[in-house]
Amino acid sequence: MLRHAHAAAVLLFDPETDQVVLIEQMRPAVLTDPNEPHPWVLDIVAGMVDPHESVADAAKREAFEEAGIRVITLVPIVTYWPSVGISNEQSTVYCGRVKAPMNSSLQGLASESEDIKVHIISTEQAFQFMAEGSIKTASAVIALQWLKLNHLRLLKEWI
């Protein structure tokens, strides 16, 4: 069994503009799939929980580090085991209310060698990307499916 720290992931959602903020970064493991044209993956913000912080605090920290965005409100979606057959890692997924920036940008921590492109897209476009199979990470699919089910409720509550 591989022992691994807890992970936090957050779908950044701006109810005022009805947009989500996704990130794109290179993932070397994708290079092993001959069916993938490139190793750049569209995803939600995510990272490991440091020993001194809560999972929610880690999600907020990662949103700022990876996307340059401060989370206003966090709603927990689910905690799951990404690979329970080989690892004890758990991942907690949130939906975070944010004010989306006007334009895409490059973000990430130089100290972690992060090269992250931030994408601001309509919620409907994100749902379309998911339906087409362009979004393939478990946490992003889980978060977007949850948002699709809770979209109207969040718009009513957060606007």
N, C-alpha and C. Protein backbone atom coordinates (compact mmCIF):
# COMPACT_ATOMS: atom_id res chain seq x y z
N MET A 1 0.83 -1.18 0.00
CA MET A 1 0.00 0.00 0.00
C MET A 1 0.88 1.25 0.00
N LEU A 2 0.54 2.20 -0.82
CA LEU A 2 1.21 3.49 -0.84
C LEU A 2 0.53 4.41 0.17
N ARG A 3 1.32 4.99 1.06
CA ARG A 3 0.78 5.95 2.02
C ARG A 3 0.93 7.34 1.43
N HIS A 4 -0.15 8.10 1.50
CA HIS A 4 -0.15 9.40 0.83
C HIS A 4 -0.94 10.40 1.65
N ALA A 5 -0.56 11.65 1.59
CA ALA A 5 -1.27 12.71 2.31
C ALA A 5 -2.65 12.95 1.71
N HIS A 6 -3.49 13.60 2.46
CA HIS A 6 -4.83 13.99 2.01
C HIS A 6 -4.69 15.08 0.95
N ALA A 7 -5.57 15.05 -0.04
CA ALA A 7 -5.58 16.07 -1.09
C ALA A 7 -6.86 16.90 -0.99
N ALA A 8 -6.76 18.14 -1.42
CA ALA A 8 -7.92 19.03 -1.47
C ALA A 8 -8.04 19.55 -2.90
N ALA A 9 -9.27 19.58 -3.41
CA ALA A 9 -9.53 20.08 -4.76
C ALA A 9 -10.72 21.02 -4.69
N VAL A 10 -10.71 22.05 -5.54
CA VAL A 10 -11.82 23.01 -5.50
C VAL A 10 -12.16 23.49 -6.91
N LEU A 11 -13.43 23.39 -7.24
CA LEU A 11 -13.96 23.96 -8.47
C LEU A 11 -14.30 25.41 -8.17
N LEU A 12 -13.67 26.32 -8.87
CA LEU A 12 -13.87 27.76 -8.64
C LEU A 12 -15.03 28.23 -9.51
N PHE A 13 -16.08 28.72 -8.86
CA PHE A 13 -17.32 29.10 -9.55
C PHE A 13 -17.70 30.53 -9.20
N ASP A 14 -17.92 31.34 -10.25
CA ASP A 14 -18.37 32.72 -10.07
C ASP A 14 -19.84 32.79 -10.46
N PRO A 15 -20.75 32.89 -9.48
CA PRO A 15 -22.17 32.92 -9.81
C PRO A 15 -22.60 34.22 -10.48
N GLU A 16 -21.87 35.29 -10.25
CA GLU A 16 -22.24 36.59 -10.85
C GLU A 16 -22.09 36.55 -12.38
N THR A 17 -21.04 35.89 -12.86
CA THR A 17 -20.80 35.80 -14.31
C THR A 17 -21.17 34.43 -14.87
N ASP A 18 -21.55 33.51 -14.01
CA ASP A 18 -21.85 32.12 -14.36
C ASP A 18 -20.67 31.51 -15.13
N GLN A 19 -19.49 31.64 -14.52
CA GLN A 19 -18.27 31.11 -15.11
C GLN A 19 -17.55 30.22 -14.09
N VAL A 20 -16.74 29.32 -14.60
CA VAL A 20 -15.84 28.53 -13.76
C VAL A 20 -14.41 28.86 -14.16
N VAL A 21 -13.53 28.65 -13.22
CA VAL A 21 -12.11 28.84 -13.46
C VAL A 21 -11.46 27.46 -13.42
N LEU A 22 -10.89 27.07 -14.56
CA LEU A 22 -10.17 25.80 -14.66
C LEU A 22 -8.70 26.10 -14.87
N ILE A 23 -7.88 25.14 -14.54
CA ILE A 23 -6.45 25.30 -14.76
C ILE A 23 -5.98 24.24 -15.75
N GLU A 24 -4.89 24.54 -16.40
CA GLU A 24 -4.28 23.60 -17.34
C GLU A 24 -2.79 23.52 -17.00
N GLN A 25 -2.34 22.28 -16.81
CA GLN A 25 -0.92 22.10 -16.52
C GLN A 25 -0.43 20.77 -17.07
N MET A 26 0.87 20.69 -17.25
CA MET A 26 1.48 19.49 -17.80
C MET A 26 1.55 18.40 -16.74
N ARG A 27 1.12 17.20 -17.12
CA ARG A 27 1.16 16.05 -16.23
C ARG A 27 1.94 14.94 -16.94
N PRO A 28 3.16 14.66 -16.50
CA PRO A 28 4.01 13.69 -17.19
C PRO A 28 3.39 12.31 -17.40
N ALA A 29 2.57 11.85 -16.47
CA ALA A 29 1.97 10.52 -16.60
C ALA A 29 1.12 10.39 -17.86
N VAL A 30 0.57 11.50 -18.34
CA VAL A 30 -0.25 11.47 -19.55
C VAL A 30 0.59 11.07 -20.76
N LEU A 31 1.90 11.30 -20.70
CA LEU A 31 2.78 10.92 -21.80
C LEU A 31 2.78 9.41 -22.05
N THR A 32 2.36 8.62 -21.06
CA THR A 32 2.33 7.16 -21.23
C THR A 32 1.12 6.69 -22.03
N ASP A 33 0.17 7.58 -22.30
CA ASP A 33 -1.04 7.21 -23.05
C ASP A 33 -0.86 7.59 -24.52
N PRO A 34 -0.74 6.61 -25.40
CA PRO A 34 -0.53 6.92 -26.82
C PRO A 34 -1.73 7.59 -27.48
N ASN A 35 -2.88 7.57 -26.83
CA ASN A 35 -4.08 8.19 -27.40
C ASN A 35 -4.21 9.67 -27.06
N GLU A 36 -3.34 10.17 -26.19
CA GLU A 36 -3.39 11.58 -25.80
C GLU A 36 -2.44 12.39 -26.69
N PRO A 37 -2.92 13.48 -27.27
CA PRO A 37 -2.08 14.26 -28.18
C PRO A 37 -0.99 15.08 -27.48
N HIS A 38 -1.18 15.38 -26.21
CA HIS A 38 -0.21 16.18 -25.46
C HIS A 38 -0.44 15.95 -23.96
N PRO A 39 0.53 16.29 -23.13
CA PRO A 39 0.40 16.03 -21.69
C PRO A 39 -0.24 17.17 -20.89
N TRP A 40 -0.84 18.15 -21.55
CA TRP A 40 -1.47 19.27 -20.84
C TRP A 40 -2.89 18.89 -20.47
N VAL A 41 -3.22 18.99 -19.18
CA VAL A 41 -4.49 18.50 -18.65
C VAL A 41 -5.32 19.67 -18.12
N LEU A 42 -6.59 19.70 -18.53
CA LEU A 42 -7.55 20.67 -18.00
C LEU A 42 -8.13 20.10 -16.72
N ASP A 43 -8.12 20.89 -15.65
CA ASP A 43 -8.44 20.35 -14.33
C ASP A 43 -9.00 21.45 -13.44
N ILE A 44 -9.32 21.08 -12.21
CA ILE A 44 -9.65 22.06 -11.18
C ILE A 44 -8.43 22.21 -10.28
N VAL A 45 -8.42 23.26 -9.51
CA VAL A 45 -7.33 23.51 -8.57
C VAL A 45 -7.28 22.36 -7.56
N ALA A 46 -6.06 21.91 -7.25
CA ALA A 46 -5.93 20.82 -6.27
C ALA A 46 -4.51 20.79 -5.73
N GLY A 47 -4.36 20.20 -4.57
CA GLY A 47 -3.03 20.04 -4.00
C GLY A 47 -3.10 19.28 -2.69
N MET A 48 -1.93 19.03 -2.15
CA MET A 48 -1.82 18.25 -0.92
C MET A 48 -2.05 19.14 0.31
N VAL A 49 -2.66 18.54 1.31
CA VAL A 49 -2.90 19.22 2.59
C VAL A 49 -1.62 19.16 3.42
N ASP A 50 -1.14 20.31 3.84
CA ASP A 50 0.04 20.36 4.70
C ASP A 50 -0.33 19.90 6.10
N PRO A 51 0.63 19.35 6.85
CA PRO A 51 0.33 18.81 8.19
C PRO A 51 -0.29 19.82 9.15
N HIS A 52 -0.01 21.10 8.98
CA HIS A 52 -0.46 22.13 9.93
C HIS A 52 -1.78 22.79 9.53
N GLU A 53 -2.44 22.33 8.47
CA GLU A 53 -3.64 23.03 8.01
C GLU A 53 -4.83 22.10 7.84
N SER A 54 -6.01 22.68 7.82
CA SER A 54 -7.23 21.91 7.57
C SER A 54 -7.36 21.67 6.07
N VAL A 55 -8.21 20.74 5.70
CA VAL A 55 -8.44 20.45 4.29
C VAL A 55 -9.04 21.68 3.60
N ALA A 56 -9.97 22.35 4.26
CA ALA A 56 -10.58 23.56 3.69
C ALA A 56 -9.54 24.66 3.49
N ASP A 57 -8.65 24.84 4.47
CA ASP A 57 -7.60 25.85 4.33
C ASP A 57 -6.66 25.51 3.18
N ALA A 58 -6.38 24.22 2.99
CA ALA A 58 -5.53 23.80 1.88
C ALA A 58 -6.20 24.12 0.54
N ALA A 59 -7.51 23.90 0.45
CA ALA A 59 -8.23 24.21 -0.78
C ALA A 59 -8.14 25.70 -1.10
N LYS A 60 -8.33 26.53 -0.09
CA LYS A 60 -8.23 27.99 -0.29
C LYS A 60 -6.81 28.40 -0.67
N ARG A 61 -5.82 27.80 -0.02
CA ARG A 61 -4.42 28.12 -0.32
C ARG A 61 -4.09 27.74 -1.76
N GLU A 62 -4.50 26.55 -2.17
CA GLU A 62 -4.22 26.09 -3.53
C GLU A 62 -4.92 26.98 -4.56
N ALA A 63 -6.11 27.46 -4.27
CA ALA A 63 -6.81 28.36 -5.20
C ALA A 63 -5.99 29.62 -5.44
N PHE A 64 -5.39 30.13 -4.39
CA PHE A 64 -4.58 31.33 -4.54
C PHE A 64 -3.25 31.03 -5.23
N GLU A 65 -2.61 29.93 -4.84
CA GLU A 65 -1.31 29.58 -5.43
C GLU A 65 -1.42 29.22 -6.91
N GLU A 66 -2.44 28.44 -7.26
CA GLU A 66 -2.54 27.92 -8.62
C GLU A 66 -3.32 28.82 -9.57
N ALA A 67 -4.26 29.61 -9.05
CA ALA A 67 -5.09 30.43 -9.92
C ALA A 67 -5.06 31.91 -9.58
N GLY A 68 -4.42 32.28 -8.47
CA GLY A 68 -4.36 33.68 -8.08
C GLY A 68 -5.70 34.22 -7.61
N ILE A 69 -6.55 33.34 -7.09
CA ILE A 69 -7.93 33.72 -6.73
C ILE A 69 -8.20 33.40 -5.26
N ARG A 70 -8.88 34.32 -4.60
CA ARG A 70 -9.30 34.09 -3.22
C ARG A 70 -10.72 33.52 -3.20
N VAL A 71 -10.92 32.47 -2.41
CA VAL A 71 -12.22 31.83 -2.28
C VAL A 71 -13.05 32.58 -1.25
N ILE A 72 -14.29 32.89 -1.61
CA ILE A 72 -15.21 33.60 -0.72
C ILE A 72 -15.94 32.61 0.18
N THR A 73 -16.46 31.54 -0.42
CA THR A 73 -17.23 30.52 0.30
C THR A 73 -16.84 29.15 -0.23
N LEU A 74 -16.72 28.16 0.66
CA LEU A 74 -16.44 26.78 0.25
C LEU A 74 -17.62 25.90 0.62
N VAL A 75 -18.04 25.07 -0.33
CA VAL A 75 -19.09 24.09 -0.08
C VAL A 75 -18.48 22.71 -0.31
N PRO A 76 -18.49 21.85 0.70
CA PRO A 76 -17.93 20.51 0.50
C PRO A 76 -18.82 19.69 -0.43
N ILE A 77 -18.18 18.95 -1.33
CA ILE A 77 -18.91 18.09 -2.26
C ILE A 77 -18.79 16.63 -1.81
N VAL A 78 -17.56 16.13 -1.71
CA VAL A 78 -17.35 14.73 -1.34
C VAL A 78 -15.90 14.51 -0.94
N THR A 79 -15.68 13.50 -0.09
CA THR A 79 -14.34 12.97 0.16
C THR A 79 -14.34 11.55 -0.37
N TYR A 80 -13.34 11.24 -1.21
CA TYR A 80 -13.29 9.91 -1.82
C TYR A 80 -11.85 9.40 -1.87
N TRP A 81 -11.70 8.10 -2.16
CA TRP A 81 -10.39 7.47 -2.33
C TRP A 81 -10.11 7.37 -3.82
N PRO A 82 -9.14 8.13 -4.35
CA PRO A 82 -8.86 8.09 -5.79
C PRO A 82 -8.36 6.73 -6.29
N SER A 83 -7.64 6.00 -5.45
CA SER A 83 -7.08 4.72 -5.89
C SER A 83 -6.99 3.77 -4.70
N VAL A 84 -8.15 3.40 -4.17
CA VAL A 84 -8.24 2.64 -2.92
C VAL A 84 -7.57 1.26 -3.01
N GLY A 85 -7.38 0.75 -4.20
CA GLY A 85 -6.73 -0.55 -4.34
C GLY A 85 -5.25 -0.54 -4.02
N ILE A 86 -4.62 0.65 -4.10
CA ILE A 86 -3.18 0.70 -3.86
C ILE A 86 -2.75 1.79 -2.89
N SER A 87 -3.65 2.71 -2.52
CA SER A 87 -3.23 3.85 -1.73
C SER A 87 -4.28 4.24 -0.69
N ASN A 88 -3.79 4.82 0.41
CA ASN A 88 -4.71 5.33 1.44
C ASN A 88 -5.07 6.80 1.21
N GLU A 89 -4.62 7.37 0.08
CA GLU A 89 -4.92 8.78 -0.20
C GLU A 89 -6.42 9.02 -0.24
N GLN A 90 -6.82 10.13 0.37
CA GLN A 90 -8.20 10.61 0.25
C GLN A 90 -8.15 11.98 -0.39
N SER A 91 -9.19 12.30 -1.14
CA SER A 91 -9.29 13.60 -1.78
C SER A 91 -10.64 14.21 -1.42
N THR A 92 -10.61 15.43 -0.94
CA THR A 92 -11.85 16.14 -0.64
C THR A 92 -12.06 17.20 -1.72
N VAL A 93 -13.25 17.18 -2.31
CA VAL A 93 -13.59 18.10 -3.39
C VAL A 93 -14.58 19.13 -2.87
N TYR A 94 -14.35 20.38 -3.23
CA TYR A 94 -15.20 21.50 -2.85
C TYR A 94 -15.66 22.25 -4.10
N CYS A 95 -16.71 23.03 -3.92
CA CYS A 95 -17.06 24.08 -4.87
C CYS A 95 -16.79 25.38 -4.13
N GLY A 96 -16.03 26.26 -4.75
CA GLY A 96 -15.68 27.52 -4.12
C GLY A 96 -16.26 28.70 -4.85
N ARG A 97 -16.98 29.53 -4.11
CA ARG A 97 -17.50 30.77 -4.70
C ARG A 97 -16.35 31.77 -4.81
N VAL A 98 -16.19 32.33 -6.01
CA VAL A 98 -15.10 33.27 -6.27
C VAL A 98 -15.59 34.41 -7.14
N LYS A 99 -14.77 35.42 -7.27
CA LYS A 99 -14.94 36.46 -8.27
C LYS A 99 -13.90 36.16 -9.33
N ALA A 100 -14.36 35.69 -10.49
CA ALA A 100 -13.44 35.28 -11.55
C ALA A 100 -12.72 36.48 -12.14
N PRO A 101 -11.45 36.32 -12.47
CA PRO A 101 -10.74 37.42 -13.13
C PRO A 101 -11.32 37.64 -14.53
N MET A 102 -11.00 38.77 -15.12
CA MET A 102 -11.51 39.11 -16.45
C MET A 102 -10.81 38.31 -17.55
N ASN A 103 -9.54 37.97 -17.35
CA ASN A 103 -8.77 37.33 -18.40
C ASN A 103 -8.02 36.11 -17.88
N SER A 104 -7.70 35.22 -18.79
CA SER A 104 -6.83 34.09 -18.48
C SER A 104 -5.46 34.61 -18.10
N SER A 105 -4.70 33.79 -17.38
CA SER A 105 -3.37 34.21 -16.97
C SER A 105 -2.48 32.99 -16.76
N LEU A 106 -1.22 33.24 -16.52
CA LEU A 106 -0.29 32.20 -16.13
C LEU A 106 -0.04 32.35 -14.65
N GLN A 107 -0.11 31.24 -13.93
CA GLN A 107 0.03 31.25 -12.48
C GLN A 107 0.91 30.09 -12.04
N GLY A 108 0.98 29.88 -10.74
CA GLY A 108 1.74 28.78 -10.16
C GLY A 108 2.93 29.30 -9.37
N LEU A 109 3.41 28.47 -8.47
CA LEU A 109 4.55 28.83 -7.64
C LEU A 109 5.85 28.43 -8.30
N ALA A 110 6.74 29.36 -8.43
CA ALA A 110 8.06 29.05 -8.99
C ALA A 110 8.78 28.04 -8.10
N SER A 111 8.58 28.15 -6.78
CA SER A 111 9.24 27.24 -5.85
C SER A 111 8.79 25.79 -6.03
N GLU A 112 7.62 25.58 -6.65
CA GLU A 112 7.13 24.23 -6.92
C GLU A 112 7.20 23.90 -8.42
N SER A 113 7.91 24.75 -9.17
CA SER A 113 8.07 24.57 -10.62
C SER A 113 6.72 24.42 -11.33
N GLU A 114 5.74 25.19 -10.88
CA GLU A 114 4.42 25.12 -11.48
C GLU A 114 4.33 26.05 -12.69
N ASP A 115 3.76 25.55 -13.74
CA ASP A 115 3.51 26.29 -14.97
C ASP A 115 2.04 26.07 -15.29
N ILE A 116 1.19 26.98 -14.83
CA ILE A 116 -0.25 26.77 -14.87
C ILE A 116 -0.92 27.86 -15.69
N LYS A 117 -1.75 27.43 -16.64
CA LYS A 117 -2.56 28.38 -17.39
C LYS A 117 -3.96 28.37 -16.78
N VAL A 118 -4.44 29.55 -16.44
CA VAL A 118 -5.77 29.71 -15.86
C VAL A 118 -6.75 30.04 -16.98
N HIS A 119 -7.85 29.28 -17.03
CA HIS A 119 -8.90 29.49 -18.03
C HIS A 119 -10.19 29.92 -17.33
N ILE A 120 -10.81 30.97 -17.83
CA ILE A 120 -12.11 31.41 -17.34
C ILE A 120 -13.11 31.11 -18.44
N ILE A 121 -14.05 30.19 -18.16
CA ILE A 121 -15.00 29.78 -19.19
C ILE A 121 -16.40 29.75 -18.63
N SER A 122 -17.38 29.81 -19.50
CA SER A 122 -18.76 29.75 -19.04
C SER A 122 -19.03 28.37 -18.43
N THR A 123 -19.94 28.35 -17.50
CA THR A 123 -20.32 27.08 -16.88
C THR A 123 -20.81 26.10 -17.94
N GLU A 124 -21.61 26.58 -18.88
CA GLU A 124 -22.10 25.71 -19.95
C GLU A 124 -20.97 25.13 -20.77
N GLN A 125 -19.93 25.93 -21.07
CA GLN A 125 -18.78 25.41 -21.82
C GLN A 125 -18.06 24.34 -21.02
N ALA A 126 -17.94 24.52 -19.72
CA ALA A 126 -17.30 23.51 -18.88
C ALA A 126 -18.10 22.21 -18.91
N PHE A 127 -19.43 22.33 -18.83
CA PHE A 127 -20.27 21.14 -18.92
C PHE A 127 -20.09 20.44 -20.27
N GLN A 128 -19.94 21.24 -21.32
CA GLN A 128 -19.73 20.68 -22.65
C GLN A 128 -18.38 19.96 -22.73
N PHE A 129 -17.33 20.58 -22.20
CA PHE A 129 -16.02 19.93 -22.17
C PHE A 129 -16.09 18.59 -21.45
N MET A 130 -16.82 18.55 -20.34
CA MET A 130 -16.97 17.31 -19.58
C MET A 130 -17.71 16.27 -20.42
N ALA A 131 -18.79 16.68 -21.07
CA ALA A 131 -19.59 15.76 -21.87
C ALA A 131 -18.79 15.20 -23.06
N GLU A 132 -17.91 16.03 -23.62
CA GLU A 132 -17.08 15.60 -24.76
C GLU A 132 -15.91 14.72 -24.34
N GLY A 133 -15.62 14.67 -23.05
CA GLY A 133 -14.48 13.90 -22.57
C GLY A 133 -13.18 14.66 -22.56
N SER A 134 -13.24 15.98 -22.69
CA SER A 134 -12.02 16.80 -22.65
C SER A 134 -11.50 16.98 -21.23
N ILE A 135 -12.35 16.76 -20.26
CA ILE A 135 -11.96 16.84 -18.85
C ILE A 135 -11.95 15.41 -18.33
N LYS A 136 -10.78 14.95 -17.87
CA LYS A 136 -10.61 13.54 -17.56
C LYS A 136 -10.16 13.23 -16.15
N THR A 137 -9.89 14.23 -15.33
CA THR A 137 -9.48 13.93 -13.96
C THR A 137 -10.72 13.69 -13.10
N ALA A 138 -10.59 12.76 -12.17
CA ALA A 138 -11.74 12.38 -11.35
C ALA A 138 -12.31 13.55 -10.57
N SER A 139 -11.45 14.32 -9.93
CA SER A 139 -11.96 15.42 -9.10
C SER A 139 -12.69 16.46 -9.94
N ALA A 140 -12.21 16.74 -11.15
CA ALA A 140 -12.88 17.72 -12.02
C ALA A 140 -14.22 17.19 -12.50
N VAL A 141 -14.27 15.93 -12.88
CA VAL A 141 -15.54 15.34 -13.34
C VAL A 141 -16.55 15.32 -12.20
N ILE A 142 -16.11 14.90 -11.01
CA ILE A 142 -17.00 14.88 -9.84
C ILE A 142 -17.53 16.28 -9.56
N ALA A 143 -16.65 17.27 -9.54
CA ALA A 143 -17.05 18.64 -9.21
C ALA A 143 -18.00 19.21 -10.26
N LEU A 144 -17.72 18.98 -11.52
CA LEU A 144 -18.59 19.52 -12.58
C LEU A 144 -19.94 18.82 -12.61
N GLN A 145 -19.96 17.52 -12.36
CA GLN A 145 -21.25 16.83 -12.29
C GLN A 145 -22.06 17.35 -11.11
N TRP A 146 -21.40 17.59 -9.97
CA TRP A 146 -22.09 18.14 -8.81
C TRP A 146 -22.63 19.53 -9.15
N LEU A 147 -21.81 20.36 -9.82
CA LEU A 147 -22.26 21.70 -10.17
C LEU A 147 -23.45 21.64 -11.12
N LYS A 148 -23.42 20.72 -12.05
CA LYS A 148 -24.55 20.58 -12.98
C LYS A 148 -25.84 20.27 -12.21
N LEU A 149 -25.74 19.44 -11.20
CA LEU A 149 -26.92 19.09 -10.39
C LEU A 149 -27.35 20.23 -9.46
N ASN A 150 -26.42 21.07 -9.04
CA ASN A 150 -26.69 22.11 -8.03
C ASN A 150 -26.58 23.52 -8.57
N HIS A 151 -26.43 23.67 -9.87
CA HIS A 151 -26.18 24.95 -10.51
C HIS A 151 -27.26 25.99 -10.19
N LEU A 152 -28.49 25.67 -10.45
CA LEU A 152 -29.58 26.64 -10.22
C LEU A 152 -29.71 27.01 -8.75
N ARG A 153 -29.55 26.02 -7.87
CA ARG A 153 -29.63 26.30 -6.43
C ARG A 153 -28.52 27.26 -6.01
N LEU A 154 -27.29 27.03 -6.49
CA LEU A 154 -26.19 27.91 -6.12
C LEU A 154 -26.41 29.33 -6.66
N LEU A 155 -26.89 29.43 -7.89
CA LEU A 155 -27.17 30.76 -8.45
C LEU A 155 -28.16 31.51 -7.57
N LYS A 156 -29.21 30.83 -7.12
CA LYS A 156 -30.22 31.48 -6.26
C LYS A 156 -29.63 31.87 -4.92
N GLU A 157 -28.81 30.98 -4.32
CA GLU A 157 -28.26 31.24 -2.99
C GLU A 157 -27.15 32.28 -3.00
N TRP A 158 -26.34 32.30 -4.05
CA TRP A 158 -25.13 33.13 -4.05
C TRP A 158 -25.29 34.46 -4.75
N ILE A 159 -26.42 34.68 -5.41
CA ILE A 159 -26.61 35.99 -6.07
C ILE A 159 -27.62 36.81 -5.27
